[in-house]
Every structure is written in C-alpha cells, then in structure tokens.
Amino acid sequence: MLSAIIISEIRGIRRFDAPGKLVAFAGLDVKVTQSGEFTGTKQKISKRGSPYLRRAIWLAANQAAFCDPILPEYYQFLKALGKHHLITVGAVSRKLCNIIFTILKENRPYEVTPPKRVKELQ
C-alpha cells in the first residue's frame, strides 16, 4: 500500500535529477532558521512538497528502522549518539528516500549491500 502511494506521488522519477530534489519534494529536507548573524541550532524538516509522500515515506522508514537488513544499524548508531526516536526516524526517512530514488532511477530491485564500515569490521 505504501509503495503505491510513493510511486503515485512521485509521478515519474525523471522529474528529479538528484536524490536531494526528491527529498525536498517530499519535504524531508532541513529548514535553516537564519536572520542577520543569528543561525538557529534546532533544525526542523521543511514540510514543503507532498504531505502524502512525506507521510508514506515516514511510515515506511518507521518500519524499516527495525526490519530492514541495513537501516536498523543506522537507526541504532543515531540512538547511540543520544538522538530522539523521531529525529532518528527522520534521518532514516531521508536515507530511504535516497534509496527509493536510486531504485527507481536505475530501474533495478532493492539489493542489500552493507555499508563500507560494516565490511571493514568483518
């Protein structure tokens, strides 16, 4: 169900030439608060773009943070740094958005490849 929502909201991956643009369309990019010399330290997602896409990716990331072969490691890494659950799910959402972009752009199935630092540990 979530995959159908994601595909229908993207309406063709050719519209985006970089994963960051898909992240921005989903509203998962960081909004910088700045005025004069002041730069805010608490950054929030921009929430611009498609709310349906953002919600579908958020729900998928919330599940993938515990069930995917690779993303739980990223989730646990951020939790070990002291990040809140919602912050870590937001980071996993952005990473999942990058994965979705690559899968759709290259028209290939999702293949799990561990990050380089995991390969080095083995």
PDB file of N, CA and C in Angstrom:
ATOM      1  N   MET A   1       0.822  -1.194   0.000  1.00  0.00           N
ATOM      2  CA  MET A   1       0.000   0.000   0.000  1.00  0.00           C
ATOM      3  C   MET A   1       0.870   1.264   0.000  1.00  0.00           C
ATOM      4  N   LEU A   2       1.872   1.295   0.887  1.00  0.00           N
ATOM      5  CA  LEU A   2       2.741   2.475   0.939  1.00  0.00           C
ATOM      6  C   LEU A   2       3.514   2.651  -0.364  1.00  0.00           C
ATOM      7  N   SER A   3       3.915   1.533  -0.958  1.00  0.00           N
ATOM      8  CA  SER A   3       4.667   1.633  -2.209  1.00  0.00           C
ATOM      9  C   SER A   3       3.813   2.251  -3.310  1.00  0.00           C
ATOM     10  N   ALA A   4       2.535   1.920  -3.347  1.00  0.00           N
ATOM     11  CA  ALA A   4       1.639   2.502  -4.347  1.00  0.00           C
ATOM     12  C   ALA A   4       1.496   4.011  -4.136  1.00  0.00           C
ATOM     13  N   ILE A   5       1.398   4.429  -2.887  1.00  0.00           N
ATOM     14  CA  ILE A   5       1.297   5.862  -2.587  1.00  0.00           C
ATOM     15  C   ILE A   5       2.583   6.572  -2.999  1.00  0.00           C
ATOM     16  N   ILE A   6       3.728   5.969  -2.682  1.00  0.00           N
ATOM     17  CA  ILE A   6       5.017   6.586  -3.012  1.00  0.00           C
ATOM     18  C   ILE A   6       5.174   6.728  -4.516  1.00  0.00           C
ATOM     19  N   ILE A   7       4.884   5.665  -5.270  1.00  0.00           N
ATOM     20  CA  ILE A   7       5.021   5.698  -6.724  1.00  0.00           C
ATOM     21  C   ILE A   7       4.059   6.709  -7.341  1.00  0.00           C
ATOM     22  N   SER A   8       2.828   6.737  -6.854  1.00  0.00           N
ATOM     23  CA  SER A   8       1.847   7.656  -7.444  1.00  0.00           C
ATOM     24  C   SER A   8       2.156   9.114  -7.108  1.00  0.00           C
ATOM     25  N   GLU A   9       2.693   9.379  -5.937  1.00  0.00           N
ATOM     26  CA  GLU A   9       3.022  10.758  -5.571  1.00  0.00           C
ATOM     27  C   GLU A   9       4.271  11.261  -6.291  1.00  0.00           C
ATOM     28  N   ILE A  10       5.217  10.365  -6.574  1.00  0.00           N
ATOM     29  CA  ILE A  10       6.434  10.776  -7.296  1.00  0.00           C
ATOM     30  C   ILE A  10       6.102  11.126  -8.739  1.00  0.00           C
ATOM     31  N   ARG A  11       5.150  10.413  -9.352  1.00  0.00           N
ATOM     32  CA  ARG A  11       4.689  10.651 -10.720  1.00  0.00           C
ATOM     33  C   ARG A  11       5.827  10.675 -11.731  1.00  0.00           C
ATOM     34  N   GLY A  12       6.733   9.731 -11.641  1.00  0.00           N
ATOM     35  CA  GLY A  12       7.820   9.647 -12.605  1.00  0.00           C
ATOM     36  C   GLY A  12       9.119  10.193 -12.036  1.00  0.00           C
ATOM     37  N   ILE A  13      10.078   9.333 -11.884  1.00  0.00           N
ATOM     38  CA  ILE A  13      11.347   9.722 -11.271  1.00  0.00           C
ATOM     39  C   ILE A  13      12.165  10.629 -12.176  1.00  0.00           C
ATOM     40  N   ARG A  14      11.850  10.672 -13.459  1.00  0.00           N
ATOM     41  CA  ARG A  14      12.590  11.527 -14.410  1.00  0.00           C
ATOM     42  C   ARG A  14      12.437  13.009 -14.076  1.00  0.00           C
ATOM     43  N   ARG A  15      11.461  13.362 -13.248  1.00  0.00           N
ATOM     44  CA  ARG A  15      11.274  14.754 -12.838  1.00  0.00           C
ATOM     45  C   ARG A  15      12.410  15.241 -11.940  1.00  0.00           C
ATOM     46  N   PHE A  16      13.142  14.305 -11.334  1.00  0.00           N
ATOM     47  CA  PHE A  16      14.176  14.654 -10.368  1.00  0.00           C
ATOM     48  C   PHE A  16      15.530  14.193 -10.907  1.00  0.00           C
ATOM     49  N   ASP A  17      16.492  15.084 -10.920  1.00  0.00           N
ATOM     50  CA  ASP A  17      17.818  14.702 -11.425  1.00  0.00           C
ATOM     51  C   ASP A  17      18.812  14.396 -10.308  1.00  0.00           C
ATOM     52  N   ALA A  18      18.388  14.541  -9.058  1.00  0.00           N
ATOM     53  CA  ALA A  18      19.260  14.224  -7.924  1.00  0.00           C
ATOM     54  C   ALA A  18      18.391  13.754  -6.757  1.00  0.00           C
ATOM     55  N   PRO A  19      18.940  12.890  -5.894  1.00  0.00           N
ATOM     56  CA  PRO A  19      18.140  12.420  -4.761  1.00  0.00           C
ATOM     57  C   PRO A  19      17.725  13.539  -3.815  1.00  0.00           C
ATOM     58  N   GLY A  20      18.542  14.583  -3.718  1.00  0.00           N
ATOM     59  CA  GLY A  20      18.201  15.707  -2.846  1.00  0.00           C
ATOM     60  C   GLY A  20      16.944  16.425  -3.287  1.00  0.00           C
ATOM     61  N   LYS A  21      16.671  16.407  -4.575  1.00  0.00           N
ATOM     62  CA  LYS A  21      15.460  17.058  -5.074  1.00  0.00           C
ATOM     63  C   LYS A  21      14.218  16.251  -4.736  1.00  0.00           C
ATOM     64  N   LEU A  22      14.354  14.932  -4.721  1.00  0.00           N
ATOM     65  CA  LEU A  22      13.240  14.094  -4.287  1.00  0.00           C
ATOM     66  C   LEU A  22      13.006  14.274  -2.783  1.00  0.00           C
ATOM     67  N   VAL A  23      14.076  14.383  -2.029  1.00  0.00           N
ATOM     68  CA  VAL A  23      13.967  14.628  -0.590  1.00  0.00           C
ATOM     69  C   VAL A  23      13.255  15.953  -0.333  1.00  0.00           C
ATOM     70  N   ALA A  24      13.607  16.979  -1.104  1.00  0.00           N
ATOM     71  CA  ALA A  24      12.976  18.289  -0.954  1.00  0.00           C
ATOM     72  C   ALA A  24      11.505  18.233  -1.358  1.00  0.00           C
ATOM     73  N   PHE A  25      11.191  17.491  -2.428  1.00  0.00           N
ATOM     74  CA  PHE A  25       9.796  17.355  -2.866  1.00  0.00           C
ATOM     75  C   PHE A  25       8.956  16.659  -1.795  1.00  0.00           C
ATOM     76  N   ALA A  26       9.564  15.737  -1.091  1.00  0.00           N
ATOM     77  CA  ALA A  26       8.859  15.039  -0.009  1.00  0.00           C
ATOM     78  C   ALA A  26       8.775  15.904   1.250  1.00  0.00           C
ATOM     79  N   GLY A  27       9.534  16.981   1.311  1.00  0.00           N
ATOM     80  CA  GLY A  27       9.518  17.841   2.491  1.00  0.00           C
ATOM     81  C   GLY A  27      10.349  17.311   3.633  1.00  0.00           C
ATOM     82  N   LEU A  28      11.322  16.458   3.320  1.00  0.00           N
ATOM     83  CA  LEU A  28      12.174  15.867   4.351  1.00  0.00           C
ATOM     84  C   LEU A  28      13.515  16.583   4.477  1.00  0.00           C
ATOM     85  N   ASP A  29      13.681  17.682   3.761  1.00  0.00           N
ATOM     86  CA  ASP A  29      14.928  18.435   3.855  1.00  0.00           C
ATOM     87  C   ASP A  29      14.881  19.368   5.066  1.00  0.00           C
ATOM     88  N   VAL A  30      16.032  19.794   5.505  1.00  0.00           N
ATOM     89  CA  VAL A  30      16.141  20.619   6.713  1.00  0.00           C
ATOM     90  C   VAL A  30      15.920  22.084   6.364  1.00  0.00           C
ATOM     91  N   LYS A  31      15.100  22.752   7.177  1.00  0.00           N
ATOM     92  CA  LYS A  31      14.851  24.178   7.016  1.00  0.00           C
ATOM     93  C   LYS A  31      15.787  24.926   7.956  1.00  0.00           C
ATOM     94  N   VAL A  32      16.618  25.792   7.410  1.00  0.00           N
ATOM     95  CA  VAL A  32      17.576  26.542   8.219  1.00  0.00           C
ATOM     96  C   VAL A  32      16.922  27.846   8.660  1.00  0.00           C
ATOM     97  N   THR A  33      16.929  28.081   9.964  1.00  0.00           N
ATOM     98  CA  THR A  33      16.393  29.315  10.525  1.00  0.00           C
ATOM     99  C   THR A  33      17.550  30.297  10.679  1.00  0.00           C
ATOM    100  N   GLN A  34      17.432  31.434   9.969  1.00  0.00           N
ATOM    101  CA  GLN A  34      18.533  32.384   9.949  1.00  0.00           C
ATOM    102  C   GLN A  34      17.977  33.795   9.836  1.00  0.00           C
ATOM    103  N   SER A  35      18.591  34.721  10.560  1.00  0.00           N
ATOM    104  CA  SER A  35      18.208  36.113  10.488  1.00  0.00           C
ATOM    105  C   SER A  35      19.418  36.951  10.859  1.00  0.00           C
ATOM    106  N   GLY A  36      19.924  37.727   9.930  1.00  0.00           N
ATOM    107  CA  GLY A  36      21.120  38.518  10.190  1.00  0.00           C
ATOM    108  C   GLY A  36      22.292  37.622  10.510  1.00  0.00           C
ATOM    109  N   GLU A  37      22.891  37.824  11.673  1.00  0.00           N
ATOM    110  CA  GLU A  37      24.006  36.981  12.088  1.00  0.00           C
ATOM    111  C   GLU A  37      23.557  35.761  12.887  1.00  0.00           C
ATOM    112  N   PHE A  38      22.272  35.710  13.229  1.00  0.00           N
ATOM    113  CA  PHE A  38      21.744  34.589  14.008  1.00  0.00           C
ATOM    114  C   PHE A  38      21.491  33.395  13.107  1.00  0.00           C
ATOM    115  N   THR A  39      21.942  32.231  13.536  1.00  0.00           N
ATOM    116  CA  THR A  39      21.630  30.972  12.875  1.00  0.00           C
ATOM    117  C   THR A  39      21.103  30.023  13.936  1.00  0.00           C
ATOM    118  N   GLY A  40      19.887  29.549  13.746  1.00  0.00           N
ATOM    119  CA  GLY A  40      19.259  28.662  14.716  1.00  0.00           C
ATOM    120  C   GLY A  40      19.971  27.324  14.803  1.00  0.00           C
ATOM    121  N   THR A  41      19.954  26.740  15.995  1.00  0.00           N
ATOM    122  CA  THR A  41      20.621  25.458  16.190  1.00  0.00           C
ATOM    123  C   THR A  41      19.643  24.292  16.113  1.00  0.00           C
ATOM    124  N   LYS A  42      18.373  24.534  16.364  1.00  0.00           N
ATOM    125  CA  LYS A  42      17.367  23.473  16.284  1.00  0.00           C
ATOM    126  C   LYS A  42      16.766  23.500  14.890  1.00  0.00           C
ATOM    127  N   GLN A  43      17.103  22.501  14.102  1.00  0.00           N
ATOM    128  CA  GLN A  43      16.640  22.452  12.724  1.00  0.00           C
ATOM    129  C   GLN A  43      15.480  21.476  12.602  1.00  0.00           C
ATOM    130  N   LYS A  44      14.501  21.844  11.820  1.00  0.00           N
ATOM    131  CA  LYS A  44      13.326  21.011  11.602  1.00  0.00           C
ATOM    132  C   LYS A  44      13.191  20.747  10.105  1.00  0.00           C
ATOM    133  N   ILE A  45      12.392  19.728   9.747  1.00  0.00           N
ATOM    134  CA  ILE A  45      12.175  19.474   8.329  1.00  0.00           C
ATOM    135  C   ILE A  45      11.268  20.562   7.770  1.00  0.00           C
ATOM    136  N   SER A  46      11.397  20.814   6.469  1.00  0.00           N
ATOM    137  CA  SER A  46      10.692  21.939   5.870  1.00  0.00           C
ATOM    138  C   SER A  46       9.194  21.693   5.702  1.00  0.00           C
ATOM    139  N   LYS A  47       8.783  20.444   5.515  1.00  0.00           N
ATOM    140  CA  LYS A  47       7.386  20.062   5.315  1.00  0.00           C
ATOM    141  C   LYS A  47       6.774  20.717   4.086  1.00  0.00           C
ATOM    142  N   ARG A  48       7.590  21.107   3.123  1.00  0.00           N
ATOM    143  CA  ARG A  48       7.034  21.607   1.867  1.00  0.00           C
ATOM    144  C   ARG A  48       6.925  20.416   0.924  1.00  0.00           C
ATOM    145  N   GLY A  49       6.178  20.553  -0.112  1.00  0.00           N
ATOM    146  CA  GLY A  49       6.013  19.443  -1.032  1.00  0.00           C
ATOM    147  C   GLY A  49       4.805  18.596  -0.681  1.00  0.00           C
ATOM    148  N   SER A  50       4.834  17.361  -1.090  1.00  0.00           N
ATOM    149  CA  SER A  50       3.684  16.468  -0.960  1.00  0.00           C
ATOM    150  C   SER A  50       3.569  15.895   0.454  1.00  0.00           C
ATOM    151  N   PRO A  51       2.501  16.221   1.157  1.00  0.00           N
ATOM    152  CA  PRO A  51       2.326  15.660   2.500  1.00  0.00           C
ATOM    153  C   PRO A  51       2.040  14.157   2.451  1.00  0.00           C
ATOM    154  N   TYR A  52       1.428  13.694   1.364  1.00  0.00           N
ATOM    155  CA  TYR A  52       1.114  12.268   1.235  1.00  0.00           C
ATOM    156  C   TYR A  52       2.392  11.457   1.036  1.00  0.00           C
ATOM    157  N   LEU A  53       3.303  11.980   0.218  1.00  0.00           N
ATOM    158  CA  LEU A  53       4.587  11.310   0.001  1.00  0.00           C
ATOM    159  C   LEU A  53       5.406  11.306   1.286  1.00  0.00           C
ATOM    160  N   ARG A  54       5.428  12.429   1.975  1.00  0.00           N
ATOM    161  CA  ARG A  54       6.184  12.530   3.222  1.00  0.00           C
ATOM    162  C   ARG A  54       5.662  11.533   4.255  1.00  0.00           C
ATOM    163  N   ARG A  55       4.361  11.438   4.376  1.00  0.00           N
ATOM    164  CA  ARG A  55       3.761  10.518   5.346  1.00  0.00           C
ATOM    165  C   ARG A  55       4.041   9.060   4.981  1.00  0.00           C
ATOM    166  N   ALA A  56       3.945   8.720   3.686  1.00  0.00           N
ATOM    167  CA  ALA A  56       4.194   7.344   3.254  1.00  0.00           C
ATOM    168  C   ALA A  56       5.652   6.955   3.489  1.00  0.00           C
ATOM    169  N   ILE A  57       6.574   7.857   3.173  1.00  0.00           N
ATOM    170  CA  ILE A  57       7.994   7.565   3.402  1.00  0.00           C
ATOM    171  C   ILE A  57       8.278   7.489   4.899  1.00  0.00           C
ATOM    172  N   TRP A  58       7.655   8.360   5.677  1.00  0.00           N
ATOM    173  CA  TRP A  58       7.838   8.344   7.130  1.00  0.00           C
ATOM    174  C   TRP A  58       7.371   7.016   7.727  1.00  0.00           C
ATOM    175  N   LEU A  59       6.203   6.549   7.312  1.00  0.00           N
ATOM    176  CA  LEU A  59       5.679   5.286   7.824  1.00  0.00           C
ATOM    177  C   LEU A  59       6.557   4.105   7.387  1.00  0.00           C
ATOM    178  N   ALA A  60       7.009   4.146   6.137  1.00  0.00           N
ATOM    179  CA  ALA A  60       7.893   3.084   5.647  1.00  0.00           C
ATOM    180  C   ALA A  60       9.219   3.099   6.402  1.00  0.00           C
ATOM    181  N   ALA A  61       9.751   4.278   6.681  1.00  0.00           N
ATOM    182  CA  ALA A  61      11.022   4.393   7.400  1.00  0.00           C
ATOM    183  C   ALA A  61      10.871   3.944   8.848  1.00  0.00           C
ATOM    184  N   ASN A  62       9.731   4.222   9.440  1.00  0.00           N
ATOM    185  CA  ASN A  62       9.484   3.799  10.817  1.00  0.00           C
ATOM    186  C   ASN A  62       9.509   2.272  10.914  1.00  0.00           C
ATOM    187  N   GLN A  63       8.996   1.590   9.910  1.00  0.00           N
ATOM    188  CA  GLN A  63       9.030   0.133   9.883  1.00  0.00           C
ATOM    189  C   GLN A  63      10.424  -0.367   9.499  1.00  0.00           C
ATOM    190  N   ALA A  64      11.047   0.279   8.506  1.00  0.00           N
ATOM    191  CA  ALA A  64      12.363  -0.154   8.019  1.00  0.00           C
ATOM    192  C   ALA A  64      13.452   0.047   9.071  1.00  0.00           C
ATOM    193  N   ALA A  65      13.248   0.974   9.977  1.00  0.00           N
ATOM    194  CA  ALA A  65      14.246   1.227  11.018  1.00  0.00           C
ATOM    195  C   ALA A  65      14.433   0.025  11.931  1.00  0.00           C
ATOM    196  N   PHE A  66      13.512  -0.913  11.886  1.00  0.00           N
ATOM    197  CA  PHE A  66      13.606  -2.095  12.734  1.00  0.00           C
ATOM    198  C   PHE A  66      13.648  -3.408  11.946  1.00  0.00           C
ATOM    199  N   CYS A  67      13.185  -3.403  10.689  1.00  0.00           N
ATOM    200  CA  CYS A  67      13.037  -4.654   9.937  1.00  0.00           C
ATOM    201  C   CYS A  67      13.987  -4.789   8.746  1.00  0.00           C
ATOM    202  N   ASP A  68      14.486  -3.714   8.211  1.00  0.00           N
ATOM    203  CA  ASP A  68      15.380  -3.770   7.051  1.00  0.00           C
ATOM    204  C   ASP A  68      16.734  -4.340   7.483  1.00  0.00           C
ATOM    205  N   PRO A  69      17.469  -5.005   6.584  1.00  0.00           N
ATOM    206  CA  PRO A  69      18.779  -5.550   6.974  1.00  0.00           C
ATOM    207  C   PRO A  69      19.844  -4.488   7.299  1.00  0.00           C
ATOM    208  N   ILE A  70      19.764  -3.297   6.718  1.00  0.00           N
ATOM    209  CA  ILE A  70      20.810  -2.280   6.883  1.00  0.00           C
ATOM    210  C   ILE A  70      20.358  -1.088   7.728  1.00  0.00           C
ATOM    211  N   LEU A  71      19.155  -0.602   7.526  1.00  0.00           N
ATOM    212  CA  LEU A  71      18.715   0.635   8.178  1.00  0.00           C
ATOM    213  C   LEU A  71      18.643   0.571   9.701  1.00  0.00           C
ATOM    214  N   PRO A  72      18.400  -0.585  10.340  1.00  0.00           N
ATOM    215  CA  PRO A  72      18.427  -0.596  11.815  1.00  0.00           C
ATOM    216  C   PRO A  72      19.795  -0.231  12.388  1.00  0.00           C
ATOM    217  N   GLU A  73      20.847  -0.573  11.670  1.00  0.00           N
ATOM    218  CA  GLU A  73      22.185  -0.207  12.141  1.00  0.00           C
ATOM    219  C   GLU A  73      22.349   1.312  12.163  1.00  0.00           C
ATOM    220  N   TYR A  74      21.851   1.983  11.126  1.00  0.00           N
ATOM    221  CA  TYR A  74      21.900   3.444  11.069  1.00  0.00           C
ATOM    222  C   TYR A  74      21.045   4.040  12.187  1.00  0.00           C
ATOM    223  N   TYR A  75      19.860   3.464  12.407  1.00  0.00           N
ATOM    224  CA  TYR A  75      18.975   3.910  13.472  1.00  0.00           C
ATOM    225  C   TYR A  75      19.666   3.783  14.837  1.00  0.00           C
ATOM    226  N   GLN A  76      20.255   2.622  15.095  1.00  0.00           N
ATOM    227  CA  GLN A  76      20.931   2.385  16.378  1.00  0.00           C
ATOM    228  C   GLN A  76      22.149   3.290  16.559  1.00  0.00           C
ATOM    229  N   PHE A  77      22.863   3.584  15.465  1.00  0.00           N
ATOM    230  CA  PHE A  77      24.003   4.497  15.522  1.00  0.00           C
ATOM    231  C   PHE A  77      23.552   5.879  15.985  1.00  0.00           C
ATOM    232  N   LEU A  78      22.456   6.374  15.410  1.00  0.00           N
ATOM    233  CA  LEU A  78      21.962   7.692  15.804  1.00  0.00           C
ATOM    234  C   LEU A  78      21.410   7.694  17.230  1.00  0.00           C
ATOM    235  N   LYS A  79      20.766   6.594  17.632  1.00  0.00           N
ATOM    236  CA  LYS A  79      20.270   6.495  19.000  1.00  0.00           C
ATOM    237  C   LYS A  79      21.432   6.483  19.997  1.00  0.00           C
ATOM    238  N   ALA A  80      22.545   5.839  19.609  1.00  0.00           N
ATOM    239  CA  ALA A  80      23.722   5.807  20.478  1.00  0.00           C
ATOM    240  C   ALA A  80      24.329   7.196  20.644  1.00  0.00           C
ATOM    241  N   LEU A  81      24.110   8.067  19.663  1.00  0.00           N
ATOM    242  CA  LEU A  81      24.583   9.450  19.768  1.00  0.00           C
ATOM    243  C   LEU A  81      23.666  10.298  20.659  1.00  0.00           C
ATOM    244  N   GLY A  82      22.558   9.698  21.115  1.00  0.00           N
ATOM    245  CA  GLY A  82      21.642  10.408  22.003  1.00  0.00           C
ATOM    246  C   GLY A  82      20.495  11.092  21.285  1.00  0.00           C
ATOM    247  N   LYS A  83      20.257  10.756  20.033  1.00  0.00           N
ATOM    248  CA  LYS A  83      19.166  11.369  19.278  1.00  0.00           C
ATOM    249  C   LYS A  83      17.831  10.764  19.690  1.00  0.00           C
ATOM    250  N   HIS A  84      16.800  11.562  19.618  1.00  0.00           N
ATOM    251  CA  HIS A  84      15.441  11.138  19.937  1.00  0.00           C
ATOM    252  C   HIS A  84      14.911  10.222  18.828  1.00  0.00           C
ATOM    253  N   HIS A  85      13.929   9.393  19.168  1.00  0.00           N
ATOM    254  CA  HIS A  85      13.354   8.447  18.197  1.00  0.00           C
ATOM    255  C   HIS A  85      12.842   9.155  16.935  1.00  0.00           C
ATOM    256  N   LEU A  86      12.133  10.279  17.094  1.00  0.00           N
ATOM    257  CA  LEU A  86      11.579  10.970  15.943  1.00  0.00           C
ATOM    258  C   LEU A  86      12.673  11.574  15.058  1.00  0.00           C
ATOM    259  N   ILE A  87      13.753  12.023  15.667  1.00  0.00           N
ATOM    260  CA  ILE A  87      14.881  12.550  14.903  1.00  0.00           C
ATOM    261  C   ILE A  87      15.523  11.427  14.088  1.00  0.00           C
ATOM    262  N   THR A  88      15.691  10.281  14.706  1.00  0.00           N
ATOM    263  CA  THR A  88      16.323   9.162  14.006  1.00  0.00           C
ATOM    264  C   THR A  88      15.432   8.625  12.894  1.00  0.00           C
ATOM    265  N   VAL A  89      14.135   8.576  13.117  1.00  0.00           N
ATOM    266  CA  VAL A  89      13.228   8.134  12.050  1.00  0.00           C
ATOM    267  C   VAL A  89      13.248   9.140  10.898  1.00  0.00           C
ATOM    268  N   GLY A  90      13.379  10.412  11.201  1.00  0.00           N
ATOM    269  CA  GLY A  90      13.512  11.416  10.152  1.00  0.00           C
ATOM    270  C   GLY A  90      14.769  11.204   9.320  1.00  0.00           C
ATOM    271  N   ALA A  91      15.867  10.857   9.977  1.00  0.00           N
ATOM    272  CA  ALA A  91      17.113  10.588   9.257  1.00  0.00           C
ATOM    273  C   ALA A  91      16.999   9.321   8.422  1.00  0.00           C
ATOM    274  N   VAL A  92      16.337   8.310   8.964  1.00  0.00           N
ATOM    275  CA  VAL A  92      16.117   7.069   8.209  1.00  0.00           C
ATOM    276  C   VAL A  92      15.189   7.351   7.022  1.00  0.00           C
ATOM    277  N   SER A  93      14.218   8.252   7.195  1.00  0.00           N
ATOM    278  CA  SER A  93      13.318   8.619   6.100  1.00  0.00           C
ATOM    279  C   SER A  93      14.088   9.238   4.945  1.00  0.00           C
ATOM    280  N   ARG A  94      15.006  10.109   5.285  1.00  0.00           N
ATOM    281  CA  ARG A  94      15.806  10.752   4.245  1.00  0.00           C
ATOM    282  C   ARG A  94      16.671   9.716   3.525  1.00  0.00           C
ATOM    283  N   LYS A  95      17.282   8.801   4.275  1.00  0.00           N
ATOM    284  CA  LYS A  95      18.095   7.750   3.670  1.00  0.00           C
ATOM    285  C   LYS A  95      17.228   6.837   2.810  1.00  0.00           C
ATOM    286  N   LEU A  96      16.033   6.528   3.275  1.00  0.00           N
ATOM    287  CA  LEU A  96      15.108   5.700   2.500  1.00  0.00           C
ATOM    288  C   LEU A  96      14.682   6.408   1.216  1.00  0.00           C
ATOM    289  N   CYS A  97      14.517   7.705   1.291  1.00  0.00           N
ATOM    290  CA  CYS A  97      14.181   8.491   0.102  1.00  0.00           C
ATOM    291  C   CYS A  97      15.307   8.409  -0.924  1.00  0.00           C
ATOM    292  N   ASN A  98      16.547   8.442  -0.471  1.00  0.00           N
ATOM    293  CA  ASN A  98      17.686   8.283  -1.376  1.00  0.00           C
ATOM    294  C   ASN A  98      17.701   6.888  -1.996  1.00  0.00           C
ATOM    295  N   ILE A  99      17.357   5.874  -1.215  1.00  0.00           N
ATOM    296  CA  ILE A  99      17.296   4.505  -1.729  1.00  0.00           C
ATOM    297  C   ILE A  99      16.191   4.389  -2.778  1.00  0.00           C
ATOM    298  N   ILE A 100      15.039   4.978  -2.511  1.00  0.00           N
ATOM    299  CA  ILE A 100      13.921   4.942  -3.460  1.00  0.00           C
ATOM    300  C   ILE A 100      14.324   5.611  -4.762  1.00  0.00           C
ATOM    301  N   PHE A 101      15.009   6.752  -4.672  1.00  0.00           N
ATOM    302  CA  PHE A 101      15.461   7.449  -5.870  1.00  0.00           C
ATOM    303  C   PHE A 101      16.365   6.553  -6.712  1.00  0.00           C
ATOM    304  N   THR A 102      17.334   5.906  -6.079  1.00  0.00           N
ATOM    305  CA  THR A 102      18.274   5.058  -6.805  1.00  0.00           C
ATOM    306  C   THR A 102      17.574   3.865  -7.440  1.00  0.00           C
ATOM    307  N   ILE A 103      16.672   3.242  -6.715  1.00  0.00           N
ATOM    308  CA  ILE A 103      15.945   2.082  -7.242  1.00  0.00           C
ATOM    309  C   ILE A 103      15.123   2.471  -8.469  1.00  0.00           C
ATOM    310  N   LEU A 104      14.400   3.581  -8.379  1.00  0.00           N
ATOM    311  CA  LEU A 104      13.550   3.993  -9.488  1.00  0.00           C
ATOM    312  C   LEU A 104      14.365   4.529 -10.664  1.00  0.00           C
ATOM    313  N   LYS A 105      15.433   5.258 -10.376  1.00  0.00           N
ATOM    314  CA  LYS A 105      16.242   5.854 -11.447  1.00  0.00           C
ATOM    315  C   LYS A 105      16.975   4.776 -12.240  1.00  0.00           C
ATOM    316  N   GLU A 106      17.519   3.775 -11.553  1.00  0.00           N
ATOM    317  CA  GLU A 106      18.273   2.721 -12.231  1.00  0.00           C
ATOM    318  C   GLU A 106      17.399   1.537 -12.618  1.00  0.00           C
ATOM    319  N   ASN A 107      16.109   1.569 -12.242  1.00  0.00           N
ATOM    320  CA  ASN A 107      15.150   0.525 -12.601  1.00  0.00           C
ATOM    321  C   ASN A 107      15.670  -0.865 -12.235  1.00  0.00           C
ATOM    322  N   ARG A 108      16.015  -1.025 -10.972  1.00  0.00           N
ATOM    323  CA  ARG A 108      16.536  -2.309 -10.507  1.00  0.00           C
ATOM    324  C   ARG A 108      15.935  -2.638  -9.148  1.00  0.00           C
ATOM    325  N   PRO A 109      15.975  -3.907  -8.763  1.00  0.00           N
ATOM    326  CA  PRO A 109      15.404  -4.277  -7.460  1.00  0.00           C
ATOM    327  C   PRO A 109      16.296  -3.814  -6.308  1.00  0.00           C
ATOM    328  N   TYR A 110      15.715  -3.803  -5.130  1.00  0.00           N
ATOM    329  CA  TYR A 110      16.449  -3.409  -3.926  1.00  0.00           C
ATOM    330  C   TYR A 110      17.362  -4.543  -3.513  1.00  0.00           C
ATOM    331  N   GLU A 111      18.652  -4.301  -3.581  1.00  0.00           N
ATOM    332  CA  GLU A 111      19.653  -5.283  -3.169  1.00  0.00           C
ATOM    333  C   GLU A 111      20.375  -4.740  -1.952  1.00  0.00           C
ATOM    334  N   VAL A 112      20.431  -5.540  -0.927  1.00  0.00           N
ATOM    335  CA  VAL A 112      21.050  -5.119   0.317  1.00  0.00           C
ATOM    336  C   VAL A 112      22.559  -5.273   0.202  1.00  0.00           C
ATOM    337  N   THR A 113      23.266  -4.169   0.327  1.00  0.00           N
ATOM    338  CA  THR A 113      24.721  -4.192   0.384  1.00  0.00           C
ATOM    339  C   THR A 113      25.124  -3.450   1.645  1.00  0.00           C
ATOM    340  N   PRO A 114      25.869  -4.096   2.517  1.00  0.00           N
ATOM    341  CA  PRO A 114      26.239  -3.431   3.768  1.00  0.00           C
ATOM    342  C   PRO A 114      27.139  -2.225   3.508  1.00  0.00           C
ATOM    343  N   PRO A 115      27.062  -1.220   4.373  1.00  0.00           N
ATOM    344  CA  PRO A 115      27.934  -0.060   4.236  1.00  0.00           C
ATOM    345  C   PRO A 115      29.416  -0.493   4.353  1.00  0.00           C
ATOM    346  N   LYS A 116      30.307   0.350   3.867  1.00  0.00           N
ATOM    347  CA  LYS A 116      31.734   0.030   3.870  1.00  0.00           C
ATOM    348  C   LYS A 116      32.293  -0.214   5.252  1.00  0.00           C
ATOM    349  N   ARG A 117      31.817   0.536   6.233  1.00  0.00           N
ATOM    350  CA  ARG A 117      32.371   0.348   7.577  1.00  0.00           C
ATOM    351  C   ARG A 117      31.978  -1.004   8.146  1.00  0.00           C
ATOM    352  N   VAL A 118      30.851  -1.583   7.728  1.00  0.00           N
ATOM    353  CA  VAL A 118      30.460  -2.913   8.185  1.00  0.00           C
ATOM    354  C   VAL A 118      31.343  -3.957   7.526  1.00  0.00           C
ATOM    355  N   LYS A 119      31.674  -3.768   6.233  1.00  0.00           N
ATOM    356  CA  LYS A 119      32.544  -4.696   5.540  1.00  0.00           C
ATOM    357  C   LYS A 119      33.928  -4.715   6.187  1.00  0.00           C
ATOM    358  N   GLU A 120      34.393  -3.562   6.636  1.00  0.00           N
ATOM    359  CA  GLU A 120      35.712  -3.470   7.257  1.00  0.00           C
ATOM    360  C   GLU A 120      35.756  -4.212   8.579  1.00  0.00           C
ATOM    361  N   LEU A 121      34.634  -4.255   9.307  1.00  0.00           N
ATOM    362  CA  LEU A 121      34.593  -4.902  10.602  1.00  0.00           C
ATOM    363  C   LEU A 121      34.582  -6.426  10.487  1.00  0.00           C
ATOM    364  N   GLN A 122      34.140  -6.946   9.360  1.00  0.00           N
ATOM    365  CA  GLN A 122      34.022  -8.398   9.205  1.00  0.00           C
ATOM    366  C   GLN A 122      35.308  -9.049   8.805  1.00  0.00           C
TER     367      GLN A 122
END
